[in-house]
Amino acid sequence: MNLTESAKVSFDTPEGVALEFELAGITRRAFAFCIDFTIITFAIIFVAIFAVFVSIEISTGWFMAAYMLFVFLLRNFYFVFGEINGRGQTWGKKLSGVRVIDLHGRPLSGNALFLRNVTRDMELFLPLIAIFYPEAVVTNAPWWAGFISLFWACGIGIVPLLHPLNQRVGDMIAGTVVVLEPKTELLDDVGSVRASASHKFEFTNEQLDMYGIYELQVLEDVFREGVGDDAMRKIVEKITNKINWTGMSVVDSREFLDEFYVALRKRLEHRMLLGDRQEHKREGRLGDGED
């Protein structure tokens, strides 16, 4: 991972592809959080209002326990599930144009996203609750507990401002960073070029099944970044070696990647229609271990 003076982070993916992203600023990240926080707040209020009509026969103690559990799960797992299902983006992040990525270019894992978000309780939510209602956190809390919580929240809030990668504590623990979503104008052009490709290369299902959704997205990032010919050749070498390519020789690396991208995307979409979703590439090389 390298950090440039222009607030960009770059790294090599496991596929050997050099990618560069622009770090998301604090203002944009705060805007994304405000959107997500608003969504969470409306959900909590909606459930509370709805509960008025359905909780008449429910004891107050059981209902409040269930409601507090709902609030805890919502404020934590809203972010986890949103980022897992949205390629590192919650609704707020999508609207503000940012997303979470792994600091070393690896696929985002559920464990990393859980760690970066579960710490938000200690970083923000619990201090905010303690500021306005200390006894909700600690029984018989003294009057000055709110001031300590305020200092805690301010100290935690300063961390991203001082960190060179704008990481908050949860990001540092999980090994993640928030970047600007790359512009996708090129994808439409790339898609139209691929639609009219010459179809010189034919790939079997077994070859295509060696790669998953993450690798397809890496190829999209490659096309967005416009990597050079040398990088293209290295990517083609890795792919042809992994899928045990025995077809016609590759003269034009870009043409090969164009057609491989189209074939891989079509194969993945077909499998997803059948309920078969492959997130990542398979280990090893096609044909290894076969008789």
C-alpha atoms as a PDB file:
ATOM      1  CA  MET A   1       0.000   0.000   0.000  1.00  0.00           C
ATOM      2  CA  ASN A   2       1.290   3.453  -0.918  1.00  0.00           C
ATOM      3  CA  LEU A   3      -0.048   6.880   0.027  1.00  0.00           C
ATOM      4  CA  THR A   4       0.586   9.739  -2.379  1.00  0.00           C
ATOM      5  CA  GLU A   5       0.602  13.454  -1.649  1.00  0.00           C
ATOM      6  CA  SER A   6      -2.694  13.840  -3.551  1.00  0.00           C
ATOM      7  CA  ALA A   7      -4.601  11.847  -0.902  1.00  0.00           C
ATOM      8  CA  LYS A   8      -4.681   8.646  -2.916  1.00  0.00           C
ATOM      9  CA  VAL A   9      -4.034   5.098  -1.798  1.00  0.00           C
ATOM     10  CA  SER A  10      -2.624   2.466  -4.143  1.00  0.00           C
ATOM     11  CA  PHE A  11      -1.925  -1.235  -3.792  1.00  0.00           C
ATOM     12  CA  ASP A  12      -1.464  -4.429  -5.762  1.00  0.00           C
ATOM     13  CA  THR A  13      -4.362  -6.879  -5.669  1.00  0.00           C
ATOM     14  CA  PRO A  14      -3.693 -10.638  -5.253  1.00  0.00           C
ATOM     15  CA  GLU A  15      -4.092 -10.855  -9.038  1.00  0.00           C
ATOM     16  CA  GLY A  16      -1.110  -8.528  -9.486  1.00  0.00           C
ATOM     17  CA  VAL A  17      -3.208  -5.569 -10.638  1.00  0.00           C
ATOM     18  CA  ALA A  18      -2.066  -2.149  -9.442  1.00  0.00           C
ATOM     19  CA  LEU A  19      -5.078  -0.064  -8.431  1.00  0.00           C
ATOM     20  CA  GLU A  20      -5.284   3.487  -7.156  1.00  0.00           C
ATOM     21  CA  PHE A  21      -8.158   5.086  -5.268  1.00  0.00           C
ATOM     22  CA  GLU A  22      -8.758   8.580  -3.964  1.00  0.00           C
ATOM     23  CA  LEU A  23      -9.360   8.743  -0.236  1.00  0.00           C
ATOM     24  CA  ALA A  24     -12.808   9.907   0.842  1.00  0.00           C
ATOM     25  CA  GLY A  25     -12.759  13.176   2.740  1.00  0.00           C
ATOM     26  CA  ILE A  26     -14.165  13.611   6.229  1.00  0.00           C
ATOM     27  CA  THR A  27     -17.018  15.829   4.990  1.00  0.00           C
ATOM     28  CA  ARG A  28     -18.226  13.281   2.459  1.00  0.00           C
ATOM     29  CA  ARG A  29     -17.972  10.459   5.004  1.00  0.00           C
ATOM     30  CA  ALA A  30     -19.903  12.515   7.562  1.00  0.00           C
ATOM     31  CA  PHE A  31     -22.607  13.151   4.955  1.00  0.00           C
ATOM     32  CA  ALA A  32     -22.858   9.411   4.272  1.00  0.00           C
ATOM     33  CA  PHE A  33     -23.154   8.683   7.993  1.00  0.00           C
ATOM     34  CA  CYS A  34     -25.861  11.330   8.435  1.00  0.00           C
ATOM     35  CA  ILE A  35     -27.924   9.647   5.715  1.00  0.00           C
ATOM     36  CA  ASP A  36     -27.485   6.214   7.287  1.00  0.00           C
ATOM     37  CA  PHE A  37     -28.179   7.579  10.766  1.00  0.00           C
ATOM     38  CA  THR A  38     -31.379   9.199   9.490  1.00  0.00           C
ATOM     39  CA  ILE A  39     -32.503   5.883   7.991  1.00  0.00           C
ATOM     40  CA  ILE A  40     -31.794   4.081  11.275  1.00  0.00           C
ATOM     41  CA  THR A  41     -33.608   6.754  13.289  1.00  0.00           C
ATOM     42  CA  PHE A  42     -36.714   6.605  11.105  1.00  0.00           C
ATOM     43  CA  ALA A  43     -36.717   2.804  11.374  1.00  0.00           C
ATOM     44  CA  ILE A  44     -36.529   2.984  15.179  1.00  0.00           C
ATOM     45  CA  ILE A  45     -39.333   5.578  15.348  1.00  0.00           C
ATOM     46  CA  PHE A  46     -41.490   3.593  12.914  1.00  0.00           C
ATOM     47  CA  VAL A  47     -41.171   0.425  14.991  1.00  0.00           C
ATOM     48  CA  ALA A  48     -41.959   2.361  18.172  1.00  0.00           C
ATOM     49  CA  ILE A  49     -45.117   3.835  16.629  1.00  0.00           C
ATOM     50  CA  PHE A  50     -46.141   0.495  15.165  1.00  0.00           C
ATOM     51  CA  ALA A  51     -45.537  -1.174  18.522  1.00  0.00           C
ATOM     52  CA  VAL A  52     -48.193   1.053  20.108  1.00  0.00           C
ATOM     53  CA  PHE A  53     -50.821  -0.840  18.141  1.00  0.00           C
ATOM     54  CA  VAL A  54     -49.439  -4.364  18.625  1.00  0.00           C
ATOM     55  CA  SER A  55     -47.963  -4.272  22.132  1.00  0.00           C
ATOM     56  CA  ILE A  56     -51.203  -3.873  24.072  1.00  0.00           C
ATOM     57  CA  GLU A  57     -51.138  -7.518  25.166  1.00  0.00           C
ATOM     58  CA  ILE A  58     -47.378  -7.592  25.668  1.00  0.00           C
ATOM     59  CA  SER A  59     -45.898  -6.914  29.080  1.00  0.00           C
ATOM     60  CA  THR A  60     -43.920  -3.703  29.243  1.00  0.00           C
ATOM     61  CA  GLY A  61     -40.775  -5.420  30.504  1.00  0.00           C
ATOM     62  CA  TRP A  62     -40.605  -7.976  27.690  1.00  0.00           C
ATOM     63  CA  PHE A  63     -41.470  -5.411  25.061  1.00  0.00           C
ATOM     64  CA  MET A  64     -38.797  -2.944  26.194  1.00  0.00           C
ATOM     65  CA  ALA A  65     -36.182  -5.713  26.303  1.00  0.00           C
ATOM     66  CA  ALA A  66     -37.087  -6.794  22.770  1.00  0.00           C
ATOM     67  CA  TYR A  67     -37.159  -3.191  21.581  1.00  0.00           C
ATOM     68  CA  MET A  68     -33.725  -2.392  23.010  1.00  0.00           C
ATOM     69  CA  LEU A  69     -32.343  -5.536  21.389  1.00  0.00           C
ATOM     70  CA  PHE A  70     -33.844  -4.434  18.069  1.00  0.00           C
ATOM     71  CA  VAL A  71     -32.234  -0.998  18.391  1.00  0.00           C
ATOM     72  CA  PHE A  72     -28.840  -2.533  19.210  1.00  0.00           C
ATOM     73  CA  LEU A  73     -28.959  -4.956  16.257  1.00  0.00           C
ATOM     74  CA  LEU A  74     -30.192  -2.286  13.865  1.00  0.00           C
ATOM     75  CA  ARG A  75     -27.575   0.319  14.670  1.00  0.00           C
ATOM     76  CA  ASN A  76     -24.779  -2.249  14.363  1.00  0.00           C
ATOM     77  CA  PHE A  77     -25.830  -4.676  11.662  1.00  0.00           C
ATOM     78  CA  TYR A  78     -27.411  -2.116   9.341  1.00  0.00           C
ATOM     79  CA  PHE A  79     -23.880  -1.096   8.396  1.00  0.00           C
ATOM     80  CA  VAL A  80     -22.517  -4.655   8.311  1.00  0.00           C
ATOM     81  CA  PHE A  81     -25.201  -6.084   6.030  1.00  0.00           C
ATOM     82  CA  GLY A  82     -25.276  -2.953   3.894  1.00  0.00           C
ATOM     83  CA  GLU A  83     -21.548  -3.080   3.222  1.00  0.00           C
ATOM     84  CA  ILE A  84     -21.510  -6.841   2.656  1.00  0.00           C
ATOM     85  CA  ASN A  85     -24.346  -6.771   0.133  1.00  0.00           C
ATOM     86  CA  GLY A  86     -23.371  -3.461  -1.438  1.00  0.00           C
ATOM     87  CA  ARG A  87     -19.693  -4.020  -2.199  1.00  0.00           C
ATOM     88  CA  GLY A  88     -18.650  -1.875   0.757  1.00  0.00           C
ATOM     89  CA  GLN A  89     -21.523   0.575   0.436  1.00  0.00           C
ATOM     90  CA  THR A  90     -24.524   1.323   2.615  1.00  0.00           C
ATOM     91  CA  TRP A  91     -27.317   3.483   1.194  1.00  0.00           C
ATOM     92  CA  GLY A  92     -25.636   6.545   2.652  1.00  0.00           C
ATOM     93  CA  LYS A  93     -22.285   5.661   1.103  1.00  0.00           C
ATOM     94  CA  LYS A  94     -23.897   5.060  -2.306  1.00  0.00           C
ATOM     95  CA  LEU A  95     -25.597   8.451  -2.241  1.00  0.00           C
ATOM     96  CA  SER A  96     -22.392  10.204  -1.176  1.00  0.00           C
ATOM     97  CA  GLY A  97     -20.180   8.311  -3.641  1.00  0.00           C
ATOM     98  CA  VAL A  98     -17.852   6.469  -1.250  1.00  0.00           C
ATOM     99  CA  ARG A  99     -17.198   2.850  -0.403  1.00  0.00           C
ATOM    100  CA  VAL A 100     -15.130   0.693   1.934  1.00  0.00           C
ATOM    101  CA  ILE A 101     -12.239  -1.350   0.553  1.00  0.00           C
ATOM    102  CA  ASP A 102      -9.637  -3.627   2.078  1.00  0.00           C
ATOM    103  CA  LEU A 103      -6.413  -1.749   2.743  1.00  0.00           C
ATOM    104  CA  HIS A 104      -4.335  -4.438   1.003  1.00  0.00           C
ATOM    105  CA  GLY A 105      -6.541  -5.031  -2.037  1.00  0.00           C
ATOM    106  CA  ARG A 106      -8.075  -8.274  -0.816  1.00  0.00           C
ATOM    107  CA  PRO A 107     -11.802  -9.037  -1.055  1.00  0.00           C
ATOM    108  CA  LEU A 108     -13.797  -7.506   1.769  1.00  0.00           C
ATOM    109  CA  SER A 109     -14.532 -10.145   4.388  1.00  0.00           C
ATOM    110  CA  GLY A 110     -17.522 -10.351   6.671  1.00  0.00           C
ATOM    111  CA  ASN A 111     -15.186 -10.432   9.683  1.00  0.00           C
ATOM    112  CA  ALA A 112     -13.522  -7.167   8.676  1.00  0.00           C
ATOM    113  CA  LEU A 113     -16.837  -5.415   8.078  1.00  0.00           C
ATOM    114  CA  PHE A 114     -18.174  -6.707  11.387  1.00  0.00           C
ATOM    115  CA  LEU A 115     -15.112  -5.416  13.264  1.00  0.00           C
ATOM    116  CA  ARG A 116     -15.156  -1.966  11.643  1.00  0.00           C
ATOM    117  CA  ASN A 117     -18.821  -1.489  12.464  1.00  0.00           C
ATOM    118  CA  VAL A 118     -19.243  -3.120  15.868  1.00  0.00           C
ATOM    119  CA  THR A 119     -16.685  -0.685  17.277  1.00  0.00           C
ATOM    120  CA  ARG A 120     -18.988   2.182  16.287  1.00  0.00           C
ATOM    121  CA  ASP A 121     -20.958   1.540  19.475  1.00  0.00           C
ATOM    122  CA  MET A 122     -17.938   2.411  21.609  1.00  0.00           C
ATOM    123  CA  GLU A 123     -16.817   5.173  19.275  1.00  0.00           C
ATOM    124  CA  LEU A 124     -20.070   7.027  18.851  1.00  0.00           C
ATOM    125  CA  PHE A 125     -23.434   5.578  19.836  1.00  0.00           C
ATOM    126  CA  LEU A 126     -22.779   4.790  23.509  1.00  0.00           C
ATOM    127  CA  PRO A 127     -20.988   8.124  24.158  1.00  0.00           C
ATOM    128  CA  LEU A 128     -23.898   9.996  22.525  1.00  0.00           C
ATOM    129  CA  ILE A 129     -26.397   8.116  24.683  1.00  0.00           C
ATOM    130  CA  ALA A 130     -24.287   8.770  27.778  1.00  0.00           C
ATOM    131  CA  ILE A 131     -24.091  12.486  27.003  1.00  0.00           C
ATOM    132  CA  PHE A 132     -27.860  12.952  26.999  1.00  0.00           C
ATOM    133  CA  TYR A 133     -28.922  10.125  29.326  1.00  0.00           C
ATOM    134  CA  PRO A 134     -25.992   8.707  31.359  1.00  0.00           C
ATOM    135  CA  GLU A 135     -28.204   6.391  33.428  1.00  0.00           C
ATOM    136  CA  ALA A 136     -29.133   4.479  30.270  1.00  0.00           C
ATOM    137  CA  VAL A 137     -25.512   3.304  30.131  1.00  0.00           C
ATOM    138  CA  VAL A 138     -24.561   3.136  33.818  1.00  0.00           C
ATOM    139  CA  THR A 139     -27.101   2.868  36.618  1.00  0.00           C
ATOM    140  CA  ASN A 140     -26.993   5.855  38.999  1.00  0.00           C
ATOM    141  CA  ALA A 141     -24.353   7.536  36.857  1.00  0.00           C
ATOM    142  CA  PRO A 142     -23.023  10.798  38.364  1.00  0.00           C
ATOM    143  CA  TRP A 143     -23.875  14.125  36.759  1.00  0.00           C
ATOM    144  CA  TRP A 144     -20.367  14.547  35.346  1.00  0.00           C
ATOM    145  CA  ALA A 145     -20.509  11.258  33.369  1.00  0.00           C
ATOM    146  CA  GLY A 146     -22.008  13.124  30.429  1.00  0.00           C
ATOM    147  CA  PHE A 147     -18.992  15.438  30.242  1.00  0.00           C
ATOM    148  CA  ILE A 148     -16.598  12.474  30.179  1.00  0.00           C
ATOM    149  CA  SER A 149     -18.634  10.931  27.380  1.00  0.00           C
ATOM    150  CA  LEU A 150     -18.482  14.223  25.478  1.00  0.00           C
ATOM    151  CA  PHE A 151     -14.688  14.345  25.746  1.00  0.00           C
ATOM    152  CA  TRP A 152     -14.537  10.673  24.677  1.00  0.00           C
ATOM    153  CA  ALA A 153     -16.709  11.296  21.598  1.00  0.00           C
ATOM    154  CA  CYS A 154     -14.660  14.364  20.641  1.00  0.00           C
ATOM    155  CA  GLY A 155     -11.378  12.464  21.037  1.00  0.00           C
ATOM    156  CA  ILE A 156     -12.591   9.568  18.915  1.00  0.00           C
ATOM    157  CA  GLY A 157     -13.935  12.015  16.326  1.00  0.00           C
ATOM    158  CA  ILE A 158     -10.527  13.656  15.946  1.00  0.00           C
ATOM    159  CA  VAL A 159      -8.791  10.364  15.047  1.00  0.00           C
ATOM    160  CA  PRO A 160      -9.797  10.371  11.319  1.00  0.00           C
ATOM    161  CA  LEU A 161      -8.708  14.017  11.050  1.00  0.00           C
ATOM    162  CA  LEU A 162      -5.196  13.150  12.255  1.00  0.00           C
ATOM    163  CA  HIS A 163      -4.777   9.802  10.497  1.00  0.00           C
ATOM    164  CA  PRO A 164      -3.038   9.942   7.069  1.00  0.00           C
ATOM    165  CA  LEU A 165      -5.613   7.529   5.610  1.00  0.00           C
ATOM    166  CA  ASN A 166      -8.594   9.195   7.312  1.00  0.00           C
ATOM    167  CA  GLN A 167      -9.173   5.938   9.179  1.00  0.00           C
ATOM    168  CA  ARG A 168     -11.311   5.846  12.272  1.00  0.00           C
ATOM    169  CA  VAL A 169     -10.586   3.328  15.039  1.00  0.00           C
ATOM    170  CA  GLY A 170     -12.845   0.673  13.488  1.00  0.00           C
ATOM    171  CA  ASP A 171     -10.996   0.967  10.165  1.00  0.00           C
ATOM    172  CA  MET A 172      -7.622   0.540  11.839  1.00  0.00           C
ATOM    173  CA  ILE A 173      -8.795  -2.595  13.641  1.00  0.00           C
ATOM    174  CA  ALA A 174     -10.400  -4.112  10.533  1.00  0.00           C
ATOM    175  CA  GLY A 175      -7.712  -3.055   8.040  1.00  0.00           C
ATOM    176  CA  THR A 176     -10.129  -1.095   5.849  1.00  0.00           C
ATOM    177  CA  VAL A 177     -10.206   2.362   4.301  1.00  0.00           C
ATOM    178  CA  VAL A 178     -12.966   4.514   2.790  1.00  0.00           C
ATOM    179  CA  VAL A 179     -12.381   5.767  -0.756  1.00  0.00           C
ATOM    180  CA  LEU A 180     -14.289   7.636  -3.418  1.00  0.00           C
ATOM    181  CA  GLU A 181     -16.314   5.392  -5.711  1.00  0.00           C
ATOM    182  CA  PRO A 182     -14.485   5.261  -9.078  1.00  0.00           C
ATOM    183  CA  LYS A 183     -16.404   6.902 -11.889  1.00  0.00           C
ATOM    184  CA  THR A 184     -18.152   4.377 -14.117  1.00  0.00           C
ATOM    185  CA  GLU A 185     -18.504   6.302 -17.376  1.00  0.00           C
ATOM    186  CA  LEU A 186     -16.033   3.954 -19.040  1.00  0.00           C
ATOM    187  CA  LEU A 187     -18.076   0.860 -18.296  1.00  0.00           C
ATOM    188  CA  ASP A 188     -20.809   1.696 -20.810  1.00  0.00           C
ATOM    189  CA  ASP A 189     -18.224   2.222 -23.536  1.00  0.00           C
ATOM    190  CA  VAL A 190     -16.395  -0.931 -22.522  1.00  0.00           C
ATOM    191  CA  GLY A 191     -19.645  -2.870 -22.543  1.00  0.00           C
ATOM    192  CA  SER A 192     -20.497  -1.709 -26.067  1.00  0.00           C
ATOM    193  CA  VAL A 193     -17.016  -2.602 -27.298  1.00  0.00           C
ATOM    194  CA  ARG A 194     -17.309  -6.056 -25.813  1.00  0.00           C
ATOM    195  CA  ALA A 195     -20.736  -6.556 -27.344  1.00  0.00           C
ATOM    196  CA  SER A 196     -19.183  -6.133 -30.786  1.00  0.00           C
ATOM    197  CA  ALA A 197     -16.058  -8.184 -30.034  1.00  0.00           C
ATOM    198  CA  SER A 198     -14.741 -10.551 -32.660  1.00  0.00           C
ATOM    199  CA  HIS A 199     -15.173 -13.643 -30.436  1.00  0.00           C
ATOM    200  CA  LYS A 200     -11.793 -15.084 -31.355  1.00  0.00           C
ATOM    201  CA  PHE A 201     -11.429 -16.765 -27.991  1.00  0.00           C
ATOM    202  CA  GLU A 202     -13.738 -19.481 -26.716  1.00  0.00           C
ATOM    203  CA  PHE A 203     -13.826 -20.313 -23.008  1.00  0.00           C
ATOM    204  CA  THR A 204     -15.282 -23.412 -21.395  1.00  0.00           C
ATOM    205  CA  ASN A 205     -17.508 -23.260 -18.335  1.00  0.00           C
ATOM    206  CA  GLU A 206     -14.792 -24.994 -16.333  1.00  0.00           C
ATOM    207  CA  GLN A 207     -12.336 -22.245 -17.244  1.00  0.00           C
ATOM    208  CA  LEU A 208     -14.762 -19.447 -16.419  1.00  0.00           C
ATOM    209  CA  ASP A 209     -15.731 -21.083 -13.131  1.00  0.00           C
ATOM    210  CA  MET A 210     -12.186 -20.595 -11.879  1.00  0.00           C
ATOM    211  CA  TYR A 211     -13.048 -16.929 -11.237  1.00  0.00           C
ATOM    212  CA  GLY A 212     -15.799 -15.190  -9.274  1.00  0.00           C
ATOM    213  CA  ILE A 213     -17.568 -11.876  -8.830  1.00  0.00           C
ATOM    214  CA  TYR A 214     -14.646 -10.201  -7.089  1.00  0.00           C
ATOM    215  CA  GLU A 215     -12.291 -10.914 -10.003  1.00  0.00           C
ATOM    216  CA  LEU A 216     -14.894  -9.566 -12.438  1.00  0.00           C
ATOM    217  CA  GLN A 217     -14.956  -6.346 -10.438  1.00  0.00           C
ATOM    218  CA  VAL A 218     -11.155  -6.214 -10.499  1.00  0.00           C
ATOM    219  CA  LEU A 219     -11.270  -6.370 -14.294  1.00  0.00           C
ATOM    220  CA  GLU A 220     -13.778  -3.505 -14.278  1.00  0.00           C
ATOM    221  CA  ASP A 221     -11.380  -1.478 -12.132  1.00  0.00           C
ATOM    222  CA  VAL A 222      -8.596  -2.278 -14.593  1.00  0.00           C
ATOM    223  CA  PHE A 223     -10.672  -0.892 -17.450  1.00  0.00           C
ATOM    224  CA  ARG A 224     -11.550   2.203 -15.440  1.00  0.00           C
ATOM    225  CA  GLU A 225      -7.930   2.876 -14.549  1.00  0.00           C
ATOM    226  CA  GLY A 226      -6.689   2.236 -18.088  1.00  0.00           C
ATOM    227  CA  VAL A 227      -3.572   0.262 -17.130  1.00  0.00           C
ATOM    228  CA  GLY A 228      -0.675  -0.031 -19.556  1.00  0.00           C
ATOM    229  CA  ASP A 229       0.206  -2.838 -21.962  1.00  0.00           C
ATOM    230  CA  ASP A 230       2.767  -4.416 -19.624  1.00  0.00           C
ATOM    231  CA  ALA A 231       0.203  -4.689 -16.850  1.00  0.00           C
ATOM    232  CA  MET A 232      -2.309  -6.111 -19.327  1.00  0.00           C
ATOM    233  CA  ARG A 233       0.146  -8.810 -20.378  1.00  0.00           C
ATOM    234  CA  LYS A 234       0.832  -9.776 -16.761  1.00  0.00           C
ATOM    235  CA  ILE A 235      -2.889 -10.100 -16.074  1.00  0.00           C
ATOM    236  CA  VAL A 236      -3.368 -12.245 -19.178  1.00  0.00           C
ATOM    237  CA  GLU A 237      -0.450 -14.470 -18.133  1.00  0.00           C
ATOM    238  CA  LYS A 238      -2.033 -15.034 -14.720  1.00  0.00           C
ATOM    239  CA  ILE A 239      -5.426 -15.816 -16.233  1.00  0.00           C
ATOM    240  CA  THR A 240      -4.182 -18.149 -18.956  1.00  0.00           C
ATOM    241  CA  ASN A 241      -2.041 -20.011 -16.443  1.00  0.00           C
ATOM    242  CA  LYS A 242      -4.908 -20.381 -13.968  1.00  0.00           C
ATOM    243  CA  ILE A 243      -7.476 -21.578 -16.527  1.00  0.00           C
ATOM    244  CA  ASN A 244      -4.907 -23.804 -18.272  1.00  0.00           C
ATOM    245  CA  TRP A 245      -5.406 -21.996 -21.577  1.00  0.00           C
ATOM    246  CA  THR A 246      -4.606 -24.165 -24.606  1.00  0.00           C
ATOM    247  CA  GLY A 247      -6.422 -22.163 -27.263  1.00  0.00           C
ATOM    248  CA  MET A 248      -5.018 -19.832 -29.870  1.00  0.00           C
ATOM    249  CA  SER A 249      -2.034 -17.740 -28.823  1.00  0.00           C
ATOM    250  CA  VAL A 250      -2.755 -14.354 -27.303  1.00  0.00           C
ATOM    251  CA  VAL A 251      -1.336 -11.581 -29.461  1.00  0.00           C
ATOM    252  CA  ASP A 252      -3.513  -8.719 -28.255  1.00  0.00           C
ATOM    253  CA  SER A 253      -3.802  -8.764 -24.454  1.00  0.00           C
ATOM    254  CA  ARG A 254      -6.577  -6.173 -24.380  1.00  0.00           C
ATOM    255  CA  GLU A 255      -8.643  -8.133 -26.890  1.00  0.00           C
ATOM    256  CA  PHE A 256      -8.254 -11.293 -24.806  1.00  0.00           C
ATOM    257  CA  LEU A 257      -9.297  -9.490 -21.615  1.00  0.00           C
ATOM    258  CA  ASP A 258     -12.263  -7.927 -23.415  1.00  0.00           C
ATOM    259  CA  GLU A 259     -13.604 -11.284 -24.471  1.00  0.00           C
ATOM    260  CA  PHE A 260     -12.761 -12.985 -21.186  1.00  0.00           C
ATOM    261  CA  TYR A 261     -14.637 -10.248 -19.315  1.00  0.00           C
ATOM    262  CA  VAL A 262     -17.755 -10.698 -21.477  1.00  0.00           C
ATOM    263  CA  ALA A 263     -17.677 -14.472 -21.129  1.00  0.00           C
ATOM    264  CA  LEU A 264     -17.040 -14.371 -17.372  1.00  0.00           C
ATOM    265  CA  ARG A 265     -19.811 -11.862 -16.760  1.00  0.00           C
ATOM    266  CA  LYS A 266     -22.297 -13.864 -18.825  1.00  0.00           C
ATOM    267  CA  ARG A 267     -21.352 -17.062 -16.997  1.00  0.00           C
ATOM    268  CA  LEU A 268     -21.649 -15.483 -13.537  1.00  0.00           C
ATOM    269  CA  GLU A 269     -25.008 -13.901 -14.367  1.00  0.00           C
ATOM    270  CA  HIS A 270     -26.325 -17.243 -15.656  1.00  0.00           C
ATOM    271  CA  ARG A 271     -25.200 -19.028 -12.498  1.00  0.00           C
ATOM    272  CA  MET A 272     -26.749 -16.361 -10.277  1.00  0.00           C
ATOM    273  CA  LEU A 273     -30.104 -16.830 -12.019  1.00  0.00           C
ATOM    274  CA  LEU A 274     -29.895 -20.455 -10.918  1.00  0.00           C
ATOM    275  CA  GLY A 275     -29.076 -19.432  -7.354  1.00  0.00           C
ATOM    276  CA  ASP A 276     -25.384 -20.320  -7.668  1.00  0.00           C
ATOM    277  CA  ARG A 277     -23.335 -17.311  -6.568  1.00  0.00           C
ATOM    278  CA  GLN A 278     -19.537 -17.508  -6.637  1.00  0.00           C
ATOM    279  CA  GLU A 279     -17.864 -14.638  -4.838  1.00  0.00           C
ATOM    280  CA  HIS A 280     -14.171 -15.414  -5.303  1.00  0.00           C
ATOM    281  CA  LYS A 281     -11.806 -17.385  -7.500  1.00  0.00           C
ATOM    282  CA  ARG A 282     -11.054 -21.025  -6.835  1.00  0.00           C
ATOM    283  CA  GLU A 283      -7.740 -22.076  -5.402  1.00  0.00           C
ATOM    284  CA  GLY A 284      -5.075 -23.610  -7.605  1.00  0.00           C
ATOM    285  CA  ARG A 285      -4.960 -24.069 -11.349  1.00  0.00           C
ATOM    286  CA  LEU A 286      -7.502 -25.763 -13.583  1.00  0.00           C
ATOM    287  CA  GLY A 287      -6.489 -29.377 -14.029  1.00  0.00           C
ATOM    288  CA  ASP A 288      -4.351 -29.579 -10.895  1.00  0.00           C
ATOM    289  CA  GLY A 289      -5.012 -32.784  -9.024  1.00  0.00           C
ATOM    290  CA  GLU A 290      -6.913 -34.379 -11.912  1.00  0.00           C
ATOM    291  CA  ASP A 291      -6.013 -37.736 -13.381  1.00  0.00           C
END
